[in-house]
Amino acid sequence: MCGNEFEHTFDLIDEYTDLQRIIAADDPKKEAEYQLKIVKVKLQAFNISTEGFDIL
């Protein structure tokens, strides 16, 4: 595997564990909102605007 493949693999593992956290949470909606905040911060760190991303 090349570097990008490793990065994608780790990203998918992170996503998988994040989803497990949501499912296992006492308040899944609250956990999902927390995970969403984390992703927004990561996107903004790369100067990616999250405006217009919300579908709810």
N, C-alpha and C. Protein backbone atom coordinates (compact mmCIF):
# COMPACT_ATOMS: atom_id res chain seq x y z
N MET A 1 0.83 -1.19 0.00
CA MET A 1 0.00 0.00 0.00
C MET A 1 0.87 1.24 0.00
N CYS A 2 0.47 2.22 -0.78
CA CYS A 2 1.20 3.49 -0.78
C CYS A 2 0.63 4.39 0.31
N GLY A 3 1.28 5.54 0.52
CA GLY A 3 0.89 6.46 1.57
C GLY A 3 -0.57 6.85 1.53
N ASN A 4 -1.07 7.17 0.35
CA ASN A 4 -2.47 7.58 0.24
C ASN A 4 -3.42 6.46 0.62
N GLU A 5 -3.07 5.23 0.28
CA GLU A 5 -3.92 4.09 0.63
C GLU A 5 -3.97 3.92 2.15
N PHE A 6 -2.82 4.10 2.80
CA PHE A 6 -2.80 4.03 4.27
C PHE A 6 -3.66 5.13 4.87
N GLU A 7 -3.56 6.33 4.33
CA GLU A 7 -4.35 7.44 4.83
C GLU A 7 -5.84 7.15 4.67
N HIS A 8 -6.22 6.63 3.53
CA HIS A 8 -7.63 6.31 3.29
C HIS A 8 -8.09 5.20 4.23
N THR A 9 -7.23 4.22 4.46
CA THR A 9 -7.57 3.12 5.37
C THR A 9 -7.79 3.65 6.77
N PHE A 10 -6.88 4.50 7.25
CA PHE A 10 -7.03 5.07 8.59
C PHE A 10 -8.28 5.96 8.68
N ASP A 11 -8.57 6.69 7.63
CA ASP A 11 -9.77 7.53 7.61
C ASP A 11 -11.03 6.66 7.72
N LEU A 12 -11.04 5.55 7.01
CA LEU A 12 -12.20 4.65 7.07
C LEU A 12 -12.33 4.00 8.44
N ILE A 13 -11.21 3.64 9.06
CA ILE A 13 -11.24 3.09 10.41
C ILE A 13 -11.80 4.12 11.38
N ASP A 14 -11.36 5.37 11.25
CA ASP A 14 -11.88 6.45 12.10
C ASP A 14 -13.38 6.61 11.89
N GLU A 15 -13.82 6.58 10.65
CA GLU A 15 -15.24 6.73 10.36
C GLU A 15 -16.04 5.58 10.96
N TYR A 16 -15.51 4.38 10.84
CA TYR A 16 -16.17 3.19 11.39
C TYR A 16 -16.31 3.30 12.91
N THR A 17 -15.24 3.71 13.58
CA THR A 17 -15.30 3.83 15.04
C THR A 17 -16.22 4.98 15.46
N ASP A 18 -16.25 6.05 14.67
CA ASP A 18 -17.17 7.15 14.97
C ASP A 18 -18.63 6.68 14.88
N LEU A 19 -18.94 5.89 13.88
CA LEU A 19 -20.30 5.37 13.74
C LEU A 19 -20.64 4.42 14.89
N GLN A 20 -19.66 3.62 15.32
CA GLN A 20 -19.89 2.74 16.46
C GLN A 20 -20.18 3.56 17.72
N ARG A 21 -19.46 4.66 17.88
CA ARG A 21 -19.70 5.54 19.04
C ARG A 21 -21.11 6.09 19.02
N ILE A 22 -21.59 6.47 17.83
CA ILE A 22 -22.94 7.01 17.71
C ILE A 22 -23.97 5.95 18.10
N ILE A 23 -23.80 4.75 17.58
CA ILE A 23 -24.74 3.67 17.86
C ILE A 23 -24.75 3.30 19.35
N ALA A 24 -23.58 3.30 19.97
CA ALA A 24 -23.46 2.88 21.36
C ALA A 24 -23.77 3.99 22.36
N ALA A 25 -23.90 5.21 21.90
CA ALA A 25 -24.09 6.35 22.80
C ALA A 25 -25.44 6.30 23.51
N ASP A 26 -25.47 6.83 24.73
CA ASP A 26 -26.73 6.96 25.46
C ASP A 26 -27.68 7.90 24.71
N ASP A 27 -27.11 8.91 24.07
CA ASP A 27 -27.89 9.87 23.29
C ASP A 27 -27.27 9.94 21.89
N PRO A 28 -27.69 9.05 20.98
CA PRO A 28 -27.07 8.99 19.65
C PRO A 28 -27.12 10.32 18.89
N LYS A 29 -28.20 11.07 19.04
CA LYS A 29 -28.29 12.35 18.32
C LYS A 29 -27.22 13.32 18.82
N LYS A 30 -27.04 13.38 20.12
CA LYS A 30 -26.02 14.26 20.70
C LYS A 30 -24.63 13.84 20.24
N GLU A 31 -24.36 12.55 20.21
CA GLU A 31 -23.06 12.05 19.75
C GLU A 31 -22.85 12.37 18.27
N ALA A 32 -23.89 12.20 17.45
CA ALA A 32 -23.79 12.51 16.02
C ALA A 32 -23.51 14.00 15.81
N GLU A 33 -24.16 14.84 16.59
CA GLU A 33 -23.92 16.29 16.49
C GLU A 33 -22.48 16.62 16.88
N TYR A 34 -21.95 15.93 17.90
CA TYR A 34 -20.56 16.12 18.31
C TYR A 34 -19.60 15.70 17.20
N GLN A 35 -19.86 14.54 16.59
CA GLN A 35 -19.02 14.06 15.49
C GLN A 35 -19.07 15.03 14.31
N LEU A 36 -20.23 15.59 14.05
CA LEU A 36 -20.38 16.56 12.97
C LEU A 36 -19.54 17.81 13.24
N LYS A 37 -19.53 18.27 14.48
CA LYS A 37 -18.69 19.43 14.84
C LYS A 37 -17.22 19.14 14.57
N ILE A 38 -16.77 17.94 14.91
CA ILE A 38 -15.37 17.57 14.69
C ILE A 38 -15.03 17.61 13.20
N VAL A 39 -15.92 17.04 12.38
CA VAL A 39 -15.68 17.01 10.93
C VAL A 39 -15.66 18.43 10.36
N LYS A 40 -16.56 19.29 10.83
CA LYS A 40 -16.59 20.67 10.35
C LYS A 40 -15.28 21.39 10.68
N VAL A 41 -14.77 21.18 11.87
CA VAL A 41 -13.50 21.81 12.26
C VAL A 41 -12.37 21.31 11.37
N LYS A 42 -12.35 20.01 11.09
CA LYS A 42 -11.31 19.45 10.22
C LYS A 42 -11.39 20.05 8.82
N LEU A 43 -12.61 20.16 8.28
CA LEU A 43 -12.77 20.76 6.95
C LEU A 43 -12.34 22.22 6.94
N GLN A 44 -12.73 22.96 7.96
CA GLN A 44 -12.36 24.37 8.04
C GLN A 44 -10.85 24.55 8.19
N ALA A 45 -10.17 23.58 8.79
CA ALA A 45 -8.71 23.63 8.91
C ALA A 45 -8.05 23.59 7.53
N PHE A 46 -8.75 23.00 6.56
CA PHE A 46 -8.25 22.96 5.18
C PHE A 46 -8.91 24.03 4.32
N ASN A 47 -9.48 25.04 4.98
CA ASN A 47 -10.16 26.16 4.30
C ASN A 47 -11.30 25.69 3.40
N ILE A 48 -11.99 24.63 3.83
CA ILE A 48 -13.15 24.15 3.10
C ILE A 48 -14.39 24.63 3.83
N SER A 49 -15.16 25.45 3.18
CA SER A 49 -16.37 25.98 3.78
C SER A 49 -17.42 24.89 3.91
N THR A 50 -18.10 24.89 5.04
CA THR A 50 -19.17 23.91 5.24
C THR A 50 -20.55 24.51 4.99
N GLU A 51 -20.57 25.75 4.53
CA GLU A 51 -21.86 26.37 4.20
C GLU A 51 -22.51 25.61 3.05
N GLY A 52 -23.78 25.35 3.21
CA GLY A 52 -24.50 24.63 2.17
C GLY A 52 -24.38 23.13 2.26
N PHE A 53 -23.60 22.61 3.22
CA PHE A 53 -23.45 21.17 3.38
C PHE A 53 -24.64 20.56 4.11
N ASP A 54 -25.26 21.34 4.99
CA ASP A 54 -26.33 20.81 5.82
C ASP A 54 -27.54 20.45 4.97
N ILE A 55 -28.06 19.25 5.18
CA ILE A 55 -29.23 18.79 4.43
C ILE A 55 -30.44 18.65 5.33
N LEU A 56 -30.26 18.94 6.60
CA LEU A 56 -31.38 18.79 7.54
C LEU A 56 -32.11 20.09 7.69
